[in-house]
C-alpha atoms as a PDB file:
ATOM      1  CA  MET A   1      82.751  86.117  71.718  1.00  0.00           C
ATOM      2  CA  THR A   2      85.363  84.921  74.011  1.00  0.00           C
ATOM      3  CA  ARG A   3      88.018  87.147  72.706  1.00  0.00           C
ATOM      4  CA  HIS A   4      85.662  90.204  72.988  1.00  0.00           C
ATOM      5  CA  LYS A   5      85.130  89.203  76.906  1.00  0.00           C
ATOM      6  CA  GLY A   6      88.931  89.028  77.338  1.00  0.00           C
ATOM      7  CA  VAL A   7      89.608  92.347  75.923  1.00  0.00           C
ATOM      8  CA  THR A   8      86.707  93.792  78.249  1.00  0.00           C
ATOM      9  CA  ALA A   9      88.247  92.098  81.173  1.00  0.00           C
ATOM     10  CA  VAL A  10      91.653  93.843  80.341  1.00  0.00           C
ATOM     11  CA  VAL A  11      90.095  97.107  79.950  1.00  0.00           C
ATOM     12  CA  ALA A  12      87.916  96.909  83.194  1.00  0.00           C
ATOM     13  CA  ALA A  13      91.301  95.692  85.159  1.00  0.00           C
ATOM     14  CA  VAL A  14      93.344  98.637  83.549  1.00  0.00           C
ATOM     15  CA  ALA A  15      90.402 100.931  84.384  1.00  0.00           C
ATOM     16  CA  ALA A  16      90.206  99.682  88.196  1.00  0.00           C
ATOM     17  CA  VAL A  17      94.063 100.167  88.598  1.00  0.00           C
ATOM     18  CA  ALA A  18      93.938 103.532  87.179  1.00  0.00           C
ATOM     19  CA  VAL A  19      91.041 104.360  89.738  1.00  0.00           C
ATOM     20  CA  VAL A  20      93.115 103.038  92.628  1.00  0.00           C
ATOM     21  CA  ALA A  21      96.371 104.790  91.851  1.00  0.00           C
ATOM     22  CA  ALA A  22      94.379 108.060  91.139  1.00  0.00           C
ATOM     23  CA  SER A  23      92.896 107.740  94.675  1.00  0.00           C
ATOM     24  CA  LEU A  24      96.309 106.957  96.198  1.00  0.00           C
ATOM     25  CA  LEU A  25      97.897 109.665  94.284  1.00  0.00           C
ATOM     26  CA  GLY A  26      94.969 112.098  95.631  1.00  0.00           C
ATOM     27  CA  LEU A  27      95.236 110.939  99.275  1.00  0.00           C
ATOM     28  CA  TRP A  28      98.997 111.425  99.135  1.00  0.00           C
ATOM     29  CA  THR A  29      98.739 114.774  97.735  1.00  0.00           C
ATOM     30  CA  TRP A  30      95.957 115.816 100.247  1.00  0.00           C
ATOM     31  CA  TRP A  31      98.019 114.325 103.261  1.00  0.00           C
ATOM     32  CA  ASN A  32     101.189 116.085 102.107  1.00  0.00           C
ATOM     33  CA  THR A  33     100.897 119.117 100.202  1.00  0.00           C
ATOM     34  CA  ASN A  34      98.610 122.363 100.328  1.00  0.00           C
ATOM     35  CA  LEU A  35      97.058 121.870  97.190  1.00  0.00           C
ATOM     36  CA  LEU A  36      93.729 123.187  97.178  1.00  0.00           C
ATOM     37  CA  GLY A  37      94.376 124.426 100.913  1.00  0.00           C
ATOM     38  CA  ASP A  38      93.570 127.536 102.678  1.00  0.00           C
ATOM     39  CA  GLU A  39      95.784 130.429 101.723  1.00  0.00           C
ATOM     40  CA  ALA A  40      95.048 132.240 104.976  1.00  0.00           C
ATOM     41  CA  TYR A  41      94.954 130.969 108.628  1.00  0.00           C
ATOM     42  CA  CYS A  42      93.980 132.598 111.901  1.00  0.00           C
ATOM     43  CA  GLY A  43      91.152 134.641 110.554  1.00  0.00           C
ATOM     44  CA  GLY A  44      93.437 136.222 107.860  1.00  0.00           C
ATOM     45  CA  LYS A  45      95.995 137.589 109.943  1.00  0.00           C
ATOM     46  CA  LEU A  46      98.648 134.661 108.734  1.00  0.00           C
ATOM     47  CA  THR A  47      99.225 133.723 105.241  1.00  0.00           C
ATOM     48  CA  ARG A  48     100.369 130.269 104.043  1.00  0.00           C
ATOM     49  CA  ALA A  49     103.796 131.690 102.772  1.00  0.00           C
ATOM     50  CA  GLU A  50     104.486 133.019 106.486  1.00  0.00           C
ATOM     51  CA  LEU A  51     103.580 129.803 108.011  1.00  0.00           C
ATOM     52  CA  ASP A  52     105.711 127.821 105.356  1.00  0.00           C
ATOM     53  CA  SER A  53     108.744 130.110 106.372  1.00  0.00           C
ATOM     54  CA  VAL A  54     108.116 128.887 110.040  1.00  0.00           C
ATOM     55  CA  LEU A  55     106.759 125.459 109.592  1.00  0.00           C
ATOM     56  CA  GLY A  56     109.748 124.445 107.154  1.00  0.00           C
ATOM     57  CA  THR A  57     108.919 120.799 106.553  1.00  0.00           C
ATOM     58  CA  GLU A  58     106.803 118.839 104.008  1.00  0.00           C
ATOM     59  CA  GLY A  59     103.200 118.441 104.933  1.00  0.00           C
ATOM     60  CA  ARG A  60      99.637 119.867 104.914  1.00  0.00           C
ATOM     61  CA  ILE A  61      99.144 123.027 107.129  1.00  0.00           C
ATOM     62  CA  SER A  62      95.771 123.286 108.854  1.00  0.00           C
ATOM     63  CA  SER A  63      94.292 125.290 111.612  1.00  0.00           C
ATOM     64  CA  VAL A  64      93.778 123.554 114.776  1.00  0.00           C
ATOM     65  CA  ALA A  65      92.148 126.353 116.860  1.00  0.00           C
ATOM     66  CA  ALA A  66      91.429 130.082 116.854  1.00  0.00           C
ATOM     67  CA  GLN A  67      89.987 132.519 119.162  1.00  0.00           C
ATOM     68  CA  GLY A  68      89.347 136.373 118.403  1.00  0.00           C
ATOM     69  CA  GLY A  69      87.796 137.866 115.350  1.00  0.00           C
ATOM     70  CA  GLU A  70      89.216 139.591 112.378  1.00  0.00           C
ATOM     71  CA  GLU A  71      88.366 143.176 114.005  1.00  0.00           C
ATOM     72  CA  SER A  72      90.061 142.319 117.479  1.00  0.00           C
ATOM     73  CA  PRO A  73      93.479 143.091 117.958  1.00  0.00           C
ATOM     74  CA  GLU A  74      93.593 140.276 120.376  1.00  0.00           C
ATOM     75  CA  PHE A  75      93.579 136.648 119.210  1.00  0.00           C
ATOM     76  CA  ARG A  76      95.112 133.148 119.848  1.00  0.00           C
ATOM     77  CA  CYS A  77      95.393 130.727 116.825  1.00  0.00           C
ATOM     78  CA  THR A  78      97.152 127.305 116.704  1.00  0.00           C
ATOM     79  CA  VAL A  79      98.263 126.020 113.238  1.00  0.00           C
ATOM     80  CA  GLU A  80      99.918 122.572 112.564  1.00  0.00           C
ATOM     81  CA  ARG A  81     101.556 120.843 109.694  1.00  0.00           C
ATOM     82  CA  THR A  82     101.407 117.218 109.364  1.00  0.00           C
ATOM     83  CA  SER A  83     102.444 114.633 107.070  1.00  0.00           C
ATOM     84  CA  LYS A  84     101.724 110.959 106.308  1.00  0.00           C
ATOM     85  CA  LEU A  85     104.162 108.845 104.586  1.00  0.00           C
ATOM     86  CA  LEU A  86     107.158 111.123 104.357  1.00  0.00           C
ATOM     87  CA  GLY A  87     108.536 110.680 107.890  1.00  0.00           C
ATOM     88  CA  ALA A  88     108.245 114.363 108.573  1.00  0.00           C
ATOM     89  CA  GLU A  89     107.537 114.792 112.521  1.00  0.00           C
ATOM     90  CA  PRO A  90     104.143 116.796 113.049  1.00  0.00           C
ATOM     91  CA  MET A  91     104.993 120.756 114.069  1.00  0.00           C
ATOM     92  CA  GLU A  92     102.428 123.177 115.937  1.00  0.00           C
ATOM     93  CA  ASN A  93     102.847 126.572 115.968  1.00  0.00           C
ATOM     94  CA  GLU A  94     100.734 129.062 118.244  1.00  0.00           C
ATOM     95  CA  VAL A  95     100.362 132.659 117.656  1.00  0.00           C
ATOM     96  CA  SER A  96      98.813 135.075 120.287  1.00  0.00           C
ATOM     97  CA  THR A  97      98.580 138.867 120.995  1.00  0.00           C
ATOM     98  CA  ALA A  98      97.400 140.513 123.965  1.00  0.00           C
ATOM     99  CA  VAL A  99      96.459 144.026 124.630  1.00  0.00           C
ATOM    100  CA  GLN A 100      97.885 145.168 128.080  1.00  0.00           C
ATOM    101  CA  GLU A 101      97.427 148.440 130.007  1.00  0.00           C
ATOM    102  CA  PRO A 102     100.714 150.624 129.386  1.00  0.00           C
ATOM    103  CA  ASP A 103     101.864 149.986 132.921  1.00  0.00           C
ATOM    104  CA  PHE A 104     101.519 146.331 132.758  1.00  0.00           C
ATOM    105  CA  ALA A 105     105.227 145.405 133.009  1.00  0.00           C
ATOM    106  CA  PHE A 106     105.259 147.365 136.556  1.00  0.00           C
ATOM    107  CA  GLN A 107     102.317 145.656 138.094  1.00  0.00           C
ATOM    108  CA  THR A 108     104.060 142.186 138.437  1.00  0.00           C
ATOM    109  CA  ARG A 109     105.697 140.658 141.517  1.00  0.00           C
ATOM    110  CA  VAL A 110     109.359 141.720 140.021  1.00  0.00           C
ATOM    111  CA  TRP A 111     108.279 145.501 140.457  1.00  0.00           C
ATOM    112  CA  ARG A 112     107.374 145.514 144.055  1.00  0.00           C
ATOM    113  CA  ASP A 113     107.233 148.941 145.678  1.00  0.00           C
ATOM    114  CA  PRO A 114     107.979 151.029 142.686  1.00  0.00           C
ATOM    115  CA  GLY A 115     107.949 154.029 144.855  1.00  0.00           C
ATOM    116  CA  SER A 116     111.320 153.018 146.335  1.00  0.00           C
ATOM    117  CA  MET A 117     113.165 153.475 143.082  1.00  0.00           C
ATOM    118  CA  THR A 118     114.905 156.607 141.711  1.00  0.00           C
ATOM    119  CA  TYR A 119     113.761 157.524 138.343  1.00  0.00           C
ATOM    120  CA  PHE A 120     116.000 159.229 135.667  1.00  0.00           C
ATOM    121  CA  SER A 121     115.232 162.664 135.014  1.00  0.00           C
ATOM    122  CA  ALA A 122     117.249 163.483 131.748  1.00  0.00           C
ATOM    123  CA  GLY A 123     118.528 161.283 128.979  1.00  0.00           C
ATOM    124  CA  ALA A 124     117.202 157.511 129.226  1.00  0.00           C
ATOM    125  CA  THR A 125     114.151 156.563 130.653  1.00  0.00           C
ATOM    126  CA  GLY A 126     114.577 154.202 133.629  1.00  0.00           C
ATOM    127  CA  ALA A 127     114.985 153.553 137.267  1.00  0.00           C
ATOM    128  CA  VAL A 128     117.253 152.153 139.635  1.00  0.00           C
ATOM    129  CA  SER A 129     117.091 150.955 143.342  1.00  0.00           C
ATOM    130  CA  GLU A 130     119.528 149.289 145.702  1.00  0.00           C
ATOM    131  CA  THR A 131     118.647 145.613 144.181  1.00  0.00           C
ATOM    132  CA  ARG A 132     117.246 146.224 140.755  1.00  0.00           C
ATOM    133  CA  GLY A 133     117.311 148.807 137.842  1.00  0.00           C
ATOM    134  CA  TRP A 134     115.671 149.081 134.322  1.00  0.00           C
ATOM    135  CA  VAL A 135     116.172 151.229 131.281  1.00  0.00           C
ATOM    136  CA  MET A 136     113.905 151.804 128.141  1.00  0.00           C
ATOM    137  CA  LEU A 137     116.040 151.141 125.045  1.00  0.00           C
ATOM    138  CA  PRO A 138     115.540 152.993 122.130  1.00  0.00           C
ATOM    139  CA  GLN A 139     113.953 151.150 119.055  1.00  0.00           C
ATOM    140  CA  LYS A 140     116.752 151.925 116.584  1.00  0.00           C
END
């Protein structure tokens, strides 16, 4: 009978160690990988692969804040990558878009009195004055 109790105690100790080891491994995996994590962030606008290429360190990616819906062209989203026990610095990435009026660049203080500028009539699009100038570059 004593021998049976000894075997039972050993089995219970091995089981307890296995449970603790599995729990620690599970925590480490959750803290430092994206196993069972989201595949898309920012309302589906960014994928995990895109964020991995920007936040190129080990850790778990999670969405911190998001504004704007899937149908809206304007959004702001903050995503972070954190890591525990690996020594990697936490990283944060903020992505935002905005819809502006076509002439928004010319409504700032830099473009005071646009009527005093001379605009190009042929060739490149642009304008010049005595103190400043601008030219629109082609896409290619």
